[in-house]
Amino acid sequence: MGITEETRRANYYDVAPKISRMEEKVLSILREHGRQTAEEIMRRMGTNNPNNVRPRLTNLKKRGLVLDVDKCRDADGHVAAVWEARDA
């Protein structure tokens, strides 16, 4: 393991205890599947309740763990933010 990877892993473990289980799930989905809208994350989580995802994205953004990197139209034609996990 290189120094960069070791540093990233150490930083991840510094932050991990401070985020909720639901926030960790959202973050894991973004890391595993790349850029997603809140609606796409909800589907991957098996929920249809936006309150399970959107507040978690806001909290993760405040912590600097995710970014809203783009906008797109969702299935209903509404503008939706596209989220991405920041490099650990």
C-alpha atoms as a PDB file:
ATOM      1  CA  MET A   1       0.000   0.000   0.000  1.00  0.00           C
ATOM      2  CA  GLY A   2       1.432   3.370  -1.027  1.00  0.00           C
ATOM      3  CA  ILE A   3       1.578   6.446   1.153  1.00  0.00           C
ATOM      4  CA  THR A   4      -1.297   8.116  -0.715  1.00  0.00           C
ATOM      5  CA  GLU A   5      -3.581   5.112  -0.320  1.00  0.00           C
ATOM      6  CA  GLU A   6      -2.577   4.763   3.316  1.00  0.00           C
ATOM      7  CA  THR A   7      -3.320   8.448   3.948  1.00  0.00           C
ATOM      8  CA  ARG A   8      -6.698   8.178   2.224  1.00  0.00           C
ATOM      9  CA  ARG A   9      -7.591   5.141   4.267  1.00  0.00           C
ATOM     10  CA  ALA A  10      -6.533   6.862   7.509  1.00  0.00           C
ATOM     11  CA  ASN A  11      -8.606   9.930   6.596  1.00  0.00           C
ATOM     12  CA  TYR A  12     -11.591   7.729   5.783  1.00  0.00           C
ATOM     13  CA  TYR A  13     -11.427   6.061   9.179  1.00  0.00           C
ATOM     14  CA  ASP A  14     -11.126   9.473  10.847  1.00  0.00           C
ATOM     15  CA  VAL A  15     -14.405  10.529   9.221  1.00  0.00           C
ATOM     16  CA  ALA A  16     -16.302   7.230   9.129  1.00  0.00           C
ATOM     17  CA  PRO A  17     -17.309   7.128  12.822  1.00  0.00           C
ATOM     18  CA  LYS A  18     -18.807  10.616  12.488  1.00  0.00           C
ATOM     19  CA  ILE A  19     -21.302   9.761   9.767  1.00  0.00           C
ATOM     20  CA  SER A  20     -24.537   7.859  10.231  1.00  0.00           C
ATOM     21  CA  ARG A  21     -25.213   4.405   8.861  1.00  0.00           C
ATOM     22  CA  MET A  22     -27.581   5.895   6.266  1.00  0.00           C
ATOM     23  CA  GLU A  23     -24.961   8.458   5.202  1.00  0.00           C
ATOM     24  CA  GLU A  24     -22.431   5.657   4.857  1.00  0.00           C
ATOM     25  CA  LYS A  25     -24.846   3.739   2.648  1.00  0.00           C
ATOM     26  CA  VAL A  26     -25.372   6.772   0.368  1.00  0.00           C
ATOM     27  CA  LEU A  27     -21.618   7.380   0.213  1.00  0.00           C
ATOM     28  CA  SER A  28     -20.934   3.721  -0.573  1.00  0.00           C
ATOM     29  CA  ILE A  29     -23.417   3.781  -3.454  1.00  0.00           C
ATOM     30  CA  LEU A  30     -21.746   6.861  -4.936  1.00  0.00           C
ATOM     31  CA  ARG A  31     -18.297   5.334  -4.566  1.00  0.00           C
ATOM     32  CA  GLU A  32     -19.334   2.026  -6.074  1.00  0.00           C
ATOM     33  CA  HIS A  33     -21.582   3.263  -8.894  1.00  0.00           C
ATOM     34  CA  GLY A  34     -20.258   6.746  -9.657  1.00  0.00           C
ATOM     35  CA  ARG A  35     -22.306   9.850 -10.336  1.00  0.00           C
ATOM     36  CA  GLN A  36     -25.972   9.557  -9.396  1.00  0.00           C
ATOM     37  CA  THR A  37     -29.050  11.645  -8.739  1.00  0.00           C
ATOM     38  CA  ALA A  38     -30.860  11.348  -5.403  1.00  0.00           C
ATOM     39  CA  GLU A  39     -33.587   9.402  -7.218  1.00  0.00           C
ATOM     40  CA  GLU A  40     -31.053   6.893  -8.568  1.00  0.00           C
ATOM     41  CA  ILE A  41     -29.528   6.494  -5.105  1.00  0.00           C
ATOM     42  CA  MET A  42     -33.019   5.916  -3.668  1.00  0.00           C
ATOM     43  CA  ARG A  43     -33.639   3.125  -6.169  1.00  0.00           C
ATOM     44  CA  ARG A  44     -30.324   1.448  -5.318  1.00  0.00           C
ATOM     45  CA  MET A  45     -31.237   1.662  -1.624  1.00  0.00           C
ATOM     46  CA  GLY A  46     -34.638   0.109  -2.299  1.00  0.00           C
ATOM     47  CA  THR A  47     -36.622   3.081  -0.991  1.00  0.00           C
ATOM     48  CA  ASN A  48     -39.014   5.568  -2.535  1.00  0.00           C
ATOM     49  CA  ASN A  49     -38.760   8.107   0.278  1.00  0.00           C
ATOM     50  CA  PRO A  50     -36.565  11.082  -0.694  1.00  0.00           C
ATOM     51  CA  ASN A  51     -36.105  11.912   2.999  1.00  0.00           C
ATOM     52  CA  ASN A  52     -33.937   8.808   3.271  1.00  0.00           C
ATOM     53  CA  VAL A  53     -31.435  10.272   0.804  1.00  0.00           C
ATOM     54  CA  ARG A  54     -31.580  14.038   0.309  1.00  0.00           C
ATOM     55  CA  PRO A  55     -30.753  15.116   3.894  1.00  0.00           C
ATOM     56  CA  ARG A  56     -27.880  12.604   3.890  1.00  0.00           C
ATOM     57  CA  LEU A  57     -26.480  14.135   0.702  1.00  0.00           C
ATOM     58  CA  THR A  58     -26.683  17.578   2.294  1.00  0.00           C
ATOM     59  CA  ASN A  59     -24.837  16.363   5.403  1.00  0.00           C
ATOM     60  CA  LEU A  60     -22.190  14.576   3.342  1.00  0.00           C
ATOM     61  CA  LYS A  61     -21.700  17.717   1.244  1.00  0.00           C
ATOM     62  CA  LYS A  62     -21.192  19.800   4.412  1.00  0.00           C
ATOM     63  CA  ARG A  63     -18.505  17.324   5.472  1.00  0.00           C
ATOM     64  CA  GLY A  64     -16.844  17.586   2.069  1.00  0.00           C
ATOM     65  CA  LEU A  65     -17.429  13.932   1.193  1.00  0.00           C
ATOM     66  CA  VAL A  66     -19.705  14.485  -1.823  1.00  0.00           C
ATOM     67  CA  LEU A  67     -20.167  17.193  -4.434  1.00  0.00           C
ATOM     68  CA  ASP A  68     -23.091  18.194  -6.613  1.00  0.00           C
ATOM     69  CA  VAL A  69     -21.254  18.155  -9.924  1.00  0.00           C
ATOM     70  CA  ASP A  70     -23.950  18.525 -12.560  1.00  0.00           C
ATOM     71  CA  LYS A  71     -27.656  18.824 -13.241  1.00  0.00           C
ATOM     72  CA  CYS A  72     -29.930  16.698 -15.387  1.00  0.00           C
ATOM     73  CA  ARG A  73     -33.617  16.060 -15.964  1.00  0.00           C
ATOM     74  CA  ASP A  74     -35.198  13.257 -13.975  1.00  0.00           C
ATOM     75  CA  ALA A  75     -37.891  10.881 -15.249  1.00  0.00           C
ATOM     76  CA  ASP A  76     -40.577  13.495 -14.538  1.00  0.00           C
ATOM     77  CA  GLY A  77     -38.663  16.232 -16.371  1.00  0.00           C
ATOM     78  CA  HIS A  78     -37.585  18.052 -13.205  1.00  0.00           C
ATOM     79  CA  VAL A  79     -34.060  19.359 -12.835  1.00  0.00           C
ATOM     80  CA  ALA A  80     -32.074  17.126 -10.487  1.00  0.00           C
ATOM     81  CA  ALA A  81     -28.594  17.503  -9.030  1.00  0.00           C
ATOM     82  CA  VAL A  82     -26.031  14.859  -9.941  1.00  0.00           C
ATOM     83  CA  TRP A  83     -23.864  13.835  -7.002  1.00  0.00           C
ATOM     84  CA  GLU A  84     -20.376  12.376  -6.847  1.00  0.00           C
ATOM     85  CA  ALA A  85     -18.239  11.063  -4.001  1.00  0.00           C
ATOM     86  CA  ARG A  86     -15.054  13.041  -3.461  1.00  0.00           C
ATOM     87  CA  ASP A  87     -11.803  11.149  -3.512  1.00  0.00           C
ATOM     88  CA  ALA A  88     -11.009   9.889  -0.047  1.00  0.00           C
END
